[in-house]
C-alpha cells in the first residue's frame, strides 16, 4: 500500500488491526504482567508446568481465540519481560 495515499476508514481500520495482530501476544503477556492476580496465577502455572509449556499454551490460545494465522516471522523484541519473543499473527 502506498504510504502517501489517503486511506479510506475501512483501509485504516484494516491497517490498525494488522498492526495489532503483529503484537497481540505481547499485549496479552503485558496484561498478565501488570495484573497482580494473573501474574500470581502465571507464576504458579510456570512452576507446575514449565515456562515453555505455559507460554506456548498462551500463544496458541491467543491465536485460536482471535482466529489468527502464523506469519513466517517472530517478534524478537517484545515489550513484556515475561517472554523473549513471540509469534507474529496474520488475520
Foldseek 3Di string as FASTA:
>chain_A
DDPVDDDDPVVVVLVVVLVCLQCVLLVVLVVLVPDPVSVVVLVVCCVVPNLVVSSVVSQVCVCVVVVWAFDPDKAQDGPHPSDRIHTRTDD
